[in-house]
C-alpha atoms as a PDB file:
ATOM      1  CA  MET A   1      21.670   2.288   2.399  1.00  0.00           C
ATOM      2  CA  LYS A   2      19.128   4.173   4.482  1.00  0.00           C
ATOM      3  CA  LYS A   3      16.780   4.556   1.474  1.00  0.00           C
ATOM      4  CA  THR A   4      16.682   0.790   0.981  1.00  0.00           C
ATOM      5  CA  THR A   5      15.706   0.298   4.617  1.00  0.00           C
ATOM      6  CA  GLU A   6      13.013   2.979   4.327  1.00  0.00           C
ATOM      7  CA  LYS A   7      11.619   1.381   1.148  1.00  0.00           C
ATOM      8  CA  LYS A   8      11.512  -2.061   2.732  1.00  0.00           C
ATOM      9  CA  ARG A   9       9.761  -0.620   5.770  1.00  0.00           C
ATOM     10  CA  SER A  10       7.206   1.164   3.547  1.00  0.00           C
ATOM     11  CA  GLN A  11       6.403  -1.821   1.381  1.00  0.00           C
ATOM     12  CA  SER A  12       6.093  -4.126   4.347  1.00  0.00           C
ATOM     13  CA  LYS A  13       3.754  -1.712   6.143  1.00  0.00           C
ATOM     14  CA  LEU A  14       1.282  -1.701   3.252  1.00  0.00           C
ATOM     15  CA  ARG A  15       1.475  -5.459   2.792  1.00  0.00           C
ATOM     16  CA  ARG A  16       1.152  -6.110   6.530  1.00  0.00           C
ATOM     17  CA  MET A  17      -1.889  -3.827   6.794  1.00  0.00           C
ATOM     18  CA  ARG A  18      -3.521  -5.480   3.765  1.00  0.00           C
ATOM     19  CA  ILE A  19      -2.949  -8.942   5.209  1.00  0.00           C
ATOM     20  CA  LEU A  20      -4.079  -7.813   8.664  1.00  0.00           C
ATOM     21  CA  ARG A  21      -7.368  -6.737   7.072  1.00  0.00           C
ATOM     22  CA  GLY A  22      -7.690 -10.151   5.420  1.00  0.00           C
ATOM     23  CA  MET A  23      -7.465  -8.739   1.910  1.00  0.00           C
ATOM     24  CA  ARG A  24      -5.806 -10.017  -1.227  1.00  0.00           C
ATOM     25  CA  GLN A  25      -4.308  -7.496  -3.629  1.00  0.00           C
ATOM     26  CA  ILE A  26      -7.338  -7.863  -5.893  1.00  0.00           C
ATOM     27  CA  ASP A  27      -9.686  -7.213  -2.957  1.00  0.00           C
ATOM     28  CA  LEU A  28      -7.797  -4.030  -2.086  1.00  0.00           C
ATOM     29  CA  SER A  29      -7.855  -3.053  -5.742  1.00  0.00           C
ATOM     30  CA  LYS A  30     -11.633  -3.348  -5.930  1.00  0.00           C
ATOM     31  CA  ALA A  31     -12.119  -1.508  -2.628  1.00  0.00           C
ATOM     32  CA  SER A  32      -9.747   1.338  -3.459  1.00  0.00           C
ATOM     33  CA  GLY A  33     -10.015   1.754  -7.223  1.00  0.00           C
ATOM     34  CA  VAL A  34      -6.219   1.365  -7.493  1.00  0.00           C
ATOM     35  CA  THR A  35      -5.165  -1.299  -9.963  1.00  0.00           C
ATOM     36  CA  GLN A  36      -3.802  -4.586  -8.675  1.00  0.00           C
ATOM     37  CA  ALA A  37      -0.651  -3.988 -10.723  1.00  0.00           C
ATOM     38  CA  THR A  38      -0.074  -0.679  -8.934  1.00  0.00           C
ATOM     39  CA  ILE A  39      -0.609  -2.299  -5.528  1.00  0.00           C
ATOM     40  CA  SER A  40       1.837  -5.071  -6.429  1.00  0.00           C
ATOM     41  CA  ARG A  41       4.426  -2.576  -7.634  1.00  0.00           C
ATOM     42  CA  LEU A  42       3.982  -0.471  -4.514  1.00  0.00           C
ATOM     43  CA  GLU A  43       4.458  -3.469  -2.235  1.00  0.00           C
ATOM     44  CA  CYS A  44       7.658  -4.387  -4.110  1.00  0.00           C
ATOM     45  CA  THR A  45       9.188  -0.932  -4.570  1.00  0.00           C
ATOM     46  CA  GLY A  46       7.582   1.268  -1.939  1.00  0.00           C
ATOM     47  CA  VAL A  47       7.189   4.017  -4.558  1.00  0.00           C
ATOM     48  CA  LEU A  48       3.855   5.720  -5.189  1.00  0.00           C
ATOM     49  CA  LYS A  49       3.787   9.027  -7.026  1.00  0.00           C
ATOM     50  CA  ARG A  50       0.158  10.078  -6.606  1.00  0.00           C
ATOM     51  CA  ALA A  51      -1.283  11.192  -3.282  1.00  0.00           C
ATOM     52  CA  ASP A  52      -4.850  10.406  -4.374  1.00  0.00           C
ATOM     53  CA  LYS A  53      -3.950   6.733  -4.738  1.00  0.00           C
ATOM     54  CA  ALA A  54      -2.311   6.713  -1.320  1.00  0.00           C
ATOM     55  CA  MET A  55      -5.471   8.201   0.189  1.00  0.00           C
ATOM     56  CA  ALA A  56      -7.676   5.674  -1.623  1.00  0.00           C
ATOM     57  CA  LEU A  57      -5.585   2.776  -0.312  1.00  0.00           C
ATOM     58  CA  ALA A  58      -5.655   4.141   3.236  1.00  0.00           C
ATOM     59  CA  GLN A  59      -9.428   4.626   3.117  1.00  0.00           C
ATOM     60  CA  ALA A  60      -9.986   1.116   1.773  1.00  0.00           C
ATOM     61  CA  LEU A  61      -7.796  -0.280   4.561  1.00  0.00           C
ATOM     62  CA  LYS A  62      -9.517   1.953   7.152  1.00  0.00           C
ATOM     63  CA  CYS A  63      -6.235   3.437   8.328  1.00  0.00           C
ATOM     64  CA  THR A  64      -4.132   6.542   7.899  1.00  0.00           C
ATOM     65  CA  ILE A  65      -1.564   7.094   5.167  1.00  0.00           C
ATOM     66  CA  GLU A  66       1.107   7.019   7.877  1.00  0.00           C
ATOM     67  CA  ASP A  67      -0.018   3.484   8.786  1.00  0.00           C
ATOM     68  CA  ILE A  68       0.889   2.188   5.322  1.00  0.00           C
ATOM     69  CA  TYR A  69       3.891   4.374   4.385  1.00  0.00           C
END
């Protein structure tokens, strides 16, 4: 049960930060180099296996990795 709560918290943090920055998924994709499909999947599942993509998303959103995960 705790994992589900953690996943929901993670996915909502990324989505909230993206929306706070006024970005659509496609905008974040272009700014970060991470595909829109990956961003969508991450927002739904909270699972991202590659640290380089996490860093790229954080840089594009001008925040830390901790702010979005």
